[in-house]
N, C-alpha and C. Protein backbone atom coordinates (compact mmCIF):
# COMPACT_ATOMS: atom_id res chain seq x y z
N MET A 1 5.22 -46.93 17.38
CA MET A 1 4.54 -46.74 16.11
C MET A 1 3.09 -46.36 16.33
N ALA A 2 2.48 -46.86 17.38
CA ALA A 2 1.10 -46.54 17.67
C ALA A 2 0.93 -45.07 18.01
N GLU A 3 1.99 -44.41 18.41
CA GLU A 3 1.91 -43.00 18.77
C GLU A 3 1.73 -42.11 17.54
N ARG A 4 2.21 -42.57 16.37
CA ARG A 4 2.17 -41.74 15.16
C ARG A 4 0.93 -41.99 14.30
N THR A 5 0.07 -42.87 14.64
CA THR A 5 -1.11 -43.13 13.82
C THR A 5 -2.14 -42.02 13.99
N LEU A 6 -2.93 -41.82 12.96
CA LEU A 6 -4.00 -40.83 13.03
C LEU A 6 -5.19 -41.44 13.74
N ARG A 7 -5.67 -40.76 14.70
CA ARG A 7 -6.81 -41.29 15.44
C ARG A 7 -8.08 -40.64 14.92
N GLY A 8 -9.13 -41.42 14.88
CA GLY A 8 -10.42 -40.89 14.48
C GLY A 8 -10.62 -40.82 12.97
N ALA A 9 -9.67 -41.26 12.17
CA ALA A 9 -9.81 -41.24 10.71
C ALA A 9 -10.05 -42.67 10.24
N ARG A 10 -10.87 -42.81 9.23
CA ARG A 10 -11.12 -44.13 8.68
C ARG A 10 -10.87 -44.10 7.18
N LEU A 11 -10.63 -45.25 6.62
CA LEU A 11 -10.37 -45.33 5.18
C LEU A 11 -11.61 -44.91 4.40
N GLY A 12 -11.41 -44.11 3.38
CA GLY A 12 -12.53 -43.67 2.56
C GLY A 12 -13.48 -42.77 3.32
N GLY A 13 -13.02 -42.20 4.35
CA GLY A 13 -13.87 -41.36 5.21
C GLY A 13 -14.06 -39.97 4.67
N GLN A 14 -14.36 -39.08 5.55
CA GLN A 14 -14.66 -37.70 5.16
C GLN A 14 -13.40 -36.87 5.11
N SER A 15 -13.49 -35.77 4.37
CA SER A 15 -12.39 -34.84 4.29
C SER A 15 -12.44 -33.91 5.49
N PHE A 16 -11.29 -33.52 5.98
CA PHE A 16 -11.23 -32.61 7.13
C PHE A 16 -11.12 -31.16 6.68
N GLU A 17 -11.11 -30.94 5.36
CA GLU A 17 -11.05 -29.58 4.86
C GLU A 17 -12.45 -28.98 4.90
N ASP A 18 -12.54 -27.72 5.22
CA ASP A 18 -13.85 -27.07 5.18
C ASP A 18 -13.86 -26.05 4.04
N GLU A 19 -15.03 -25.55 3.73
CA GLU A 19 -15.20 -24.68 2.57
C GLU A 19 -15.12 -23.20 2.93
N ARG A 20 -14.68 -22.88 4.11
CA ARG A 20 -14.54 -21.47 4.49
C ARG A 20 -13.39 -20.85 3.71
N GLY A 21 -13.62 -19.67 3.20
CA GLY A 21 -12.59 -18.95 2.48
C GLY A 21 -12.45 -19.35 1.02
N ILE A 22 -13.28 -20.25 0.55
CA ILE A 22 -13.21 -20.68 -0.85
C ILE A 22 -14.28 -19.94 -1.63
N GLU A 23 -13.87 -19.36 -2.75
CA GLU A 23 -14.82 -18.64 -3.59
C GLU A 23 -15.10 -19.49 -4.82
N PHE A 24 -16.34 -19.92 -4.98
CA PHE A 24 -16.72 -20.75 -6.11
C PHE A 24 -16.89 -19.89 -7.36
N ALA A 25 -16.71 -20.51 -8.50
CA ALA A 25 -16.90 -19.81 -9.78
C ALA A 25 -18.38 -19.47 -9.95
N ALA A 26 -18.62 -18.38 -10.65
CA ALA A 26 -20.01 -17.97 -10.90
C ALA A 26 -20.69 -19.00 -11.79
N ARG A 27 -21.92 -19.36 -11.44
CA ARG A 27 -22.64 -20.40 -12.16
C ARG A 27 -23.98 -19.89 -12.64
N GLN A 28 -24.55 -20.65 -13.56
CA GLN A 28 -25.90 -20.36 -14.05
C GLN A 28 -26.62 -21.66 -14.34
N GLN A 29 -27.92 -21.63 -14.28
CA GLN A 29 -28.75 -22.79 -14.60
C GLN A 29 -29.22 -22.63 -16.05
N VAL A 30 -29.02 -23.66 -16.87
CA VAL A 30 -29.43 -23.64 -18.27
C VAL A 30 -30.50 -24.71 -18.44
N GLY A 31 -31.67 -24.32 -18.94
CA GLY A 31 -32.78 -25.24 -19.10
C GLY A 31 -32.85 -25.85 -20.50
N TYR A 32 -33.29 -27.12 -20.54
CA TYR A 32 -33.45 -27.83 -21.81
C TYR A 32 -34.76 -28.61 -21.79
N ARG A 33 -35.31 -28.86 -22.97
CA ARG A 33 -36.53 -29.66 -23.11
C ARG A 33 -36.38 -30.56 -24.33
N CYS A 34 -36.69 -31.85 -24.13
CA CYS A 34 -36.58 -32.79 -25.25
C CYS A 34 -37.96 -32.95 -25.91
N GLN A 35 -38.04 -33.79 -26.95
CA GLN A 35 -39.30 -33.98 -27.69
C GLN A 35 -40.35 -34.70 -26.86
N GLN A 36 -39.93 -35.39 -25.80
CA GLN A 36 -40.87 -36.10 -24.92
C GLN A 36 -41.39 -35.17 -23.81
N ASN A 37 -41.07 -33.87 -23.91
CA ASN A 37 -41.42 -32.84 -22.92
C ASN A 37 -40.77 -33.05 -21.57
N HIS A 38 -39.62 -33.70 -21.54
CA HIS A 38 -38.84 -33.80 -20.30
C HIS A 38 -38.06 -32.49 -20.17
N GLU A 39 -38.23 -31.81 -19.07
CA GLU A 39 -37.48 -30.58 -18.83
C GLU A 39 -36.46 -30.84 -17.74
N PHE A 40 -35.26 -30.27 -17.92
CA PHE A 40 -34.20 -30.42 -16.93
C PHE A 40 -33.28 -29.23 -17.03
N GLU A 41 -32.49 -29.03 -15.97
CA GLU A 41 -31.54 -27.92 -15.93
C GLU A 41 -30.14 -28.47 -15.70
N ILE A 42 -29.17 -27.80 -16.33
CA ILE A 42 -27.77 -28.14 -16.19
C ILE A 42 -27.06 -26.93 -15.60
N THR A 43 -26.21 -27.15 -14.62
CA THR A 43 -25.43 -26.06 -14.02
C THR A 43 -24.16 -25.89 -14.82
N MET A 44 -23.93 -24.65 -15.29
CA MET A 44 -22.74 -24.35 -16.09
C MET A 44 -22.12 -23.06 -15.59
N SER A 45 -20.88 -22.89 -15.92
CA SER A 45 -20.17 -21.66 -15.59
C SER A 45 -20.77 -20.51 -16.38
N VAL A 46 -20.70 -19.32 -15.80
CA VAL A 46 -21.19 -18.13 -16.50
C VAL A 46 -20.35 -17.87 -17.74
N GLU A 47 -19.09 -18.25 -17.68
CA GLU A 47 -18.17 -17.99 -18.80
C GLU A 47 -18.27 -19.04 -19.91
N ALA A 48 -18.98 -20.13 -19.68
CA ALA A 48 -19.04 -21.24 -20.66
C ALA A 48 -19.89 -20.87 -21.86
N ASP A 49 -19.51 -21.42 -23.01
CA ASP A 49 -20.35 -21.32 -24.21
C ASP A 49 -21.48 -22.33 -24.05
N ILE A 50 -22.69 -21.85 -24.04
CA ILE A 50 -23.83 -22.72 -23.79
C ILE A 50 -24.22 -23.44 -25.07
N PRO A 51 -24.24 -24.78 -25.05
CA PRO A 51 -24.64 -25.52 -26.25
C PRO A 51 -26.13 -25.44 -26.48
N ALA A 52 -26.52 -25.47 -27.74
CA ALA A 52 -27.94 -25.41 -28.10
C ALA A 52 -28.63 -26.73 -27.85
N VAL A 53 -27.87 -27.83 -27.85
CA VAL A 53 -28.43 -29.17 -27.71
C VAL A 53 -27.72 -29.90 -26.57
N TRP A 54 -28.50 -30.65 -25.79
CA TRP A 54 -27.95 -31.47 -24.71
C TRP A 54 -28.71 -32.79 -24.69
N GLU A 55 -28.06 -33.86 -24.28
CA GLU A 55 -28.73 -35.15 -24.24
C GLU A 55 -29.64 -35.23 -23.01
N CYS A 56 -30.87 -35.65 -23.22
CA CYS A 56 -31.85 -35.76 -22.14
C CYS A 56 -31.42 -36.89 -21.20
N PRO A 57 -31.33 -36.62 -19.89
CA PRO A 57 -30.91 -37.66 -18.95
C PRO A 57 -31.97 -38.75 -18.73
N ARG A 58 -33.21 -38.49 -19.12
CA ARG A 58 -34.28 -39.48 -18.90
C ARG A 58 -34.45 -40.43 -20.08
N CYS A 59 -34.49 -39.87 -21.30
CA CYS A 59 -34.77 -40.73 -22.46
C CYS A 59 -33.60 -40.82 -23.45
N GLY A 60 -32.60 -39.95 -23.32
CA GLY A 60 -31.42 -40.02 -24.18
C GLY A 60 -31.56 -39.31 -25.51
N SER A 61 -32.72 -38.71 -25.78
CA SER A 61 -32.87 -38.00 -27.05
C SER A 61 -32.29 -36.59 -26.94
N GLU A 62 -32.23 -35.89 -28.07
CA GLU A 62 -31.69 -34.54 -28.07
C GLU A 62 -32.68 -33.58 -27.43
N ALA A 63 -32.18 -32.73 -26.56
CA ALA A 63 -33.01 -31.72 -25.93
C ALA A 63 -32.52 -30.35 -26.38
N LEU A 64 -33.44 -29.48 -26.72
CA LEU A 64 -33.10 -28.13 -27.18
C LEU A 64 -33.16 -27.15 -26.03
N SER A 65 -32.38 -26.10 -26.14
CA SER A 65 -32.32 -25.09 -25.10
C SER A 65 -33.66 -24.35 -24.99
N ILE A 66 -34.11 -24.12 -23.78
CA ILE A 66 -35.36 -23.38 -23.55
C ILE A 66 -35.13 -21.90 -23.80
N ALA A 67 -33.88 -21.44 -23.62
CA ALA A 67 -33.55 -20.03 -23.79
C ALA A 67 -33.57 -19.59 -25.26
N GLY A 68 -33.78 -20.51 -26.17
CA GLY A 68 -33.87 -20.16 -27.59
C GLY A 68 -32.52 -20.08 -28.29
N ILE A 69 -31.51 -20.68 -27.73
CA ILE A 69 -30.20 -20.69 -28.38
C ILE A 69 -30.29 -21.60 -29.60
N GLN A 70 -29.87 -21.08 -30.75
CA GLN A 70 -29.97 -21.83 -32.00
C GLN A 70 -28.68 -22.57 -32.29
N ARG A 71 -28.81 -23.69 -32.99
CA ARG A 71 -27.64 -24.45 -33.44
C ARG A 71 -26.87 -23.64 -34.46
N GLU A 72 -25.56 -23.82 -34.46
CA GLU A 72 -24.74 -23.20 -35.49
C GLU A 72 -24.75 -24.11 -36.71
N GLU A 73 -25.18 -23.58 -37.83
CA GLU A 73 -25.20 -24.37 -39.07
C GLU A 73 -23.80 -24.39 -39.64
N LYS A 74 -23.27 -25.57 -39.83
CA LYS A 74 -21.94 -25.70 -40.39
C LYS A 74 -22.02 -25.56 -41.91
N VAL A 75 -21.14 -24.75 -42.44
CA VAL A 75 -21.08 -24.56 -43.88
C VAL A 75 -20.33 -25.74 -44.48
N GLU A 76 -21.02 -26.50 -45.31
CA GLU A 76 -20.40 -27.66 -45.92
C GLU A 76 -19.91 -27.31 -47.32
N LYS A 77 -18.73 -27.79 -47.63
CA LYS A 77 -18.19 -27.58 -48.96
C LYS A 77 -18.93 -28.48 -49.93
N PRO A 78 -19.18 -27.98 -51.14
CA PRO A 78 -19.80 -28.87 -52.12
C PRO A 78 -18.84 -29.99 -52.48
N ALA A 79 -19.37 -31.15 -52.75
CA ALA A 79 -18.53 -32.31 -53.07
C ALA A 79 -17.82 -32.07 -54.40
N ARG A 80 -16.52 -32.29 -54.39
CA ARG A 80 -15.74 -32.14 -55.62
C ARG A 80 -15.65 -33.49 -56.31
N THR A 81 -16.01 -33.52 -57.57
CA THR A 81 -15.93 -34.76 -58.34
C THR A 81 -14.56 -34.86 -59.01
N HIS A 82 -14.28 -36.02 -59.59
CA HIS A 82 -13.03 -36.19 -60.33
C HIS A 82 -12.96 -35.20 -61.50
N TRP A 83 -14.09 -34.95 -62.11
CA TRP A 83 -14.14 -34.02 -63.24
C TRP A 83 -13.76 -32.61 -62.78
N ASP A 84 -14.25 -32.18 -61.62
CA ASP A 84 -13.92 -30.85 -61.10
C ASP A 84 -12.42 -30.73 -60.84
N MET A 85 -11.84 -31.78 -60.26
CA MET A 85 -10.40 -31.74 -59.97
C MET A 85 -9.58 -31.77 -61.25
N LEU A 86 -10.06 -32.48 -62.27
CA LEU A 86 -9.37 -32.54 -63.54
C LEU A 86 -9.39 -31.17 -64.22
N LEU A 87 -10.53 -30.49 -64.12
CA LEU A 87 -10.64 -29.16 -64.74
C LEU A 87 -9.80 -28.11 -64.04
N GLU A 88 -9.37 -28.39 -62.81
CA GLU A 88 -8.47 -27.47 -62.13
C GLU A 88 -7.08 -27.53 -62.74
N ARG A 89 -6.73 -28.66 -63.34
CA ARG A 89 -5.39 -28.85 -63.91
C ARG A 89 -5.33 -28.60 -65.41
N ARG A 90 -6.41 -28.92 -66.12
CA ARG A 90 -6.39 -28.79 -67.58
C ARG A 90 -7.70 -28.18 -68.08
N SER A 91 -7.61 -27.55 -69.27
CA SER A 91 -8.82 -27.01 -69.88
C SER A 91 -9.48 -28.10 -70.71
N GLU A 92 -10.72 -27.87 -71.13
CA GLU A 92 -11.44 -28.88 -71.91
C GLU A 92 -10.80 -29.10 -73.29
N THR A 93 -10.25 -28.05 -73.88
CA THR A 93 -9.60 -28.21 -75.19
C THR A 93 -8.35 -29.09 -75.05
N GLU A 94 -7.59 -28.89 -73.97
CA GLU A 94 -6.42 -29.75 -73.74
C GLU A 94 -6.85 -31.20 -73.56
N LEU A 95 -7.91 -31.42 -72.84
CA LEU A 95 -8.40 -32.78 -72.61
C LEU A 95 -8.86 -33.44 -73.90
N GLU A 96 -9.51 -32.67 -74.77
CA GLU A 96 -9.95 -33.21 -76.07
C GLU A 96 -8.75 -33.61 -76.91
N GLU A 97 -7.70 -32.77 -76.90
CA GLU A 97 -6.48 -33.08 -77.66
C GLU A 97 -5.83 -34.37 -77.14
N ILE A 98 -5.73 -34.50 -75.84
CA ILE A 98 -5.12 -35.70 -75.24
C ILE A 98 -5.95 -36.93 -75.59
N LEU A 99 -7.28 -36.81 -75.55
CA LEU A 99 -8.16 -37.93 -75.87
C LEU A 99 -7.97 -38.39 -77.31
N THR A 100 -7.96 -37.47 -78.26
CA THR A 100 -7.78 -37.86 -79.67
C THR A 100 -6.40 -38.49 -79.89
N GLU A 101 -5.39 -37.95 -79.22
CA GLU A 101 -4.04 -38.49 -79.33
C GLU A 101 -3.98 -39.93 -78.81
N ARG A 102 -4.58 -40.18 -77.64
CA ARG A 102 -4.56 -41.50 -77.05
C ARG A 102 -5.41 -42.49 -77.86
N LEU A 103 -6.53 -42.01 -78.41
CA LEU A 103 -7.36 -42.89 -79.24
C LEU A 103 -6.62 -43.33 -80.50
N GLU A 104 -5.86 -42.43 -81.10
CA GLU A 104 -5.07 -42.79 -82.27
C GLU A 104 -4.03 -43.86 -81.92
N LEU A 105 -3.36 -43.70 -80.76
CA LEU A 105 -2.38 -44.69 -80.33
C LEU A 105 -3.05 -46.04 -80.05
N LEU A 106 -4.24 -46.00 -79.46
CA LEU A 106 -4.96 -47.23 -79.16
C LEU A 106 -5.40 -47.94 -80.43
N ARG A 107 -5.94 -47.17 -81.36
CA ARG A 107 -6.39 -47.76 -82.63
C ARG A 107 -5.22 -48.25 -83.47
N GLY A 108 -4.06 -47.61 -83.31
CA GLY A 108 -2.86 -48.03 -84.05
C GLY A 108 -2.20 -49.25 -83.41
N GLY A 109 -2.67 -49.65 -82.25
CA GLY A 109 -2.12 -50.84 -81.59
C GLY A 109 -0.86 -50.58 -80.78
N GLU A 110 -0.50 -49.33 -80.60
CA GLU A 110 0.72 -49.02 -79.86
C GLU A 110 0.51 -49.07 -78.35
N ILE A 111 -0.72 -48.86 -77.92
CA ILE A 111 -1.02 -48.97 -76.49
C ILE A 111 -2.25 -49.84 -76.33
N GLY A 112 -2.49 -50.31 -75.11
CA GLY A 112 -3.65 -51.12 -74.84
C GLY A 112 -3.25 -52.42 -74.18
N PRO A 113 -4.17 -53.36 -74.06
CA PRO A 113 -3.87 -54.64 -73.44
C PRO A 113 -2.79 -55.38 -74.23
N ALA A 114 -1.98 -56.14 -73.51
CA ALA A 114 -0.81 -56.80 -74.12
C ALA A 114 -1.23 -57.76 -75.23
N HIS A 115 -2.35 -58.44 -75.13
CA HIS A 115 -2.74 -59.41 -76.15
C HIS A 115 -3.23 -58.74 -77.44
N LEU A 116 -3.46 -57.42 -77.40
CA LEU A 116 -3.90 -56.71 -78.59
C LEU A 116 -2.77 -55.97 -79.29
N HIS A 117 -1.56 -55.99 -78.74
CA HIS A 117 -0.46 -55.25 -79.35
C HIS A 117 -0.07 -55.90 -80.68
N ARG A 118 0.11 -55.04 -81.64
CA ARG A 118 0.61 -55.50 -82.93
C ARG A 118 2.12 -55.25 -82.98
N ALA A 119 2.77 -55.97 -83.77
CA ALA A 119 4.22 -55.75 -83.90
C ALA A 119 4.44 -54.37 -84.49
N SER A 120 5.28 -53.60 -83.85
CA SER A 120 5.52 -52.22 -84.35
C SER A 120 6.29 -52.27 -85.66
N LYS A 121 6.11 -51.26 -86.50
CA LYS A 121 6.71 -51.21 -87.83
C LYS A 121 8.15 -50.74 -87.77
N ARG A 122 8.63 -50.40 -86.59
CA ARG A 122 9.99 -49.85 -86.47
C ARG A 122 11.02 -50.86 -86.65
């Protein structure tokens, strides 16, 4: 068994592979500066979409790109209220008709809280 062991290798040691014949991907250095004037560079692929903002490794605040890359402004939808959604289903005249109809039923005692119901005339 001692004949088959690897000699000269140790656990967690170095790799025996060398870097000859390996072509690395094209890279670029992207510079950033935070509000504390900390400047740093990040190595990125040439093909990567470069972000406009990166976290500063020294203070943790947002750092903006030195190259002048601007943030993309996200288009936000205006908030839809219950009234807006209701108007998508019914017109205002229909809503007025429904309201008067329901008010008549409420005043007549046909609908509403159980303790306010009157005995129906039927």
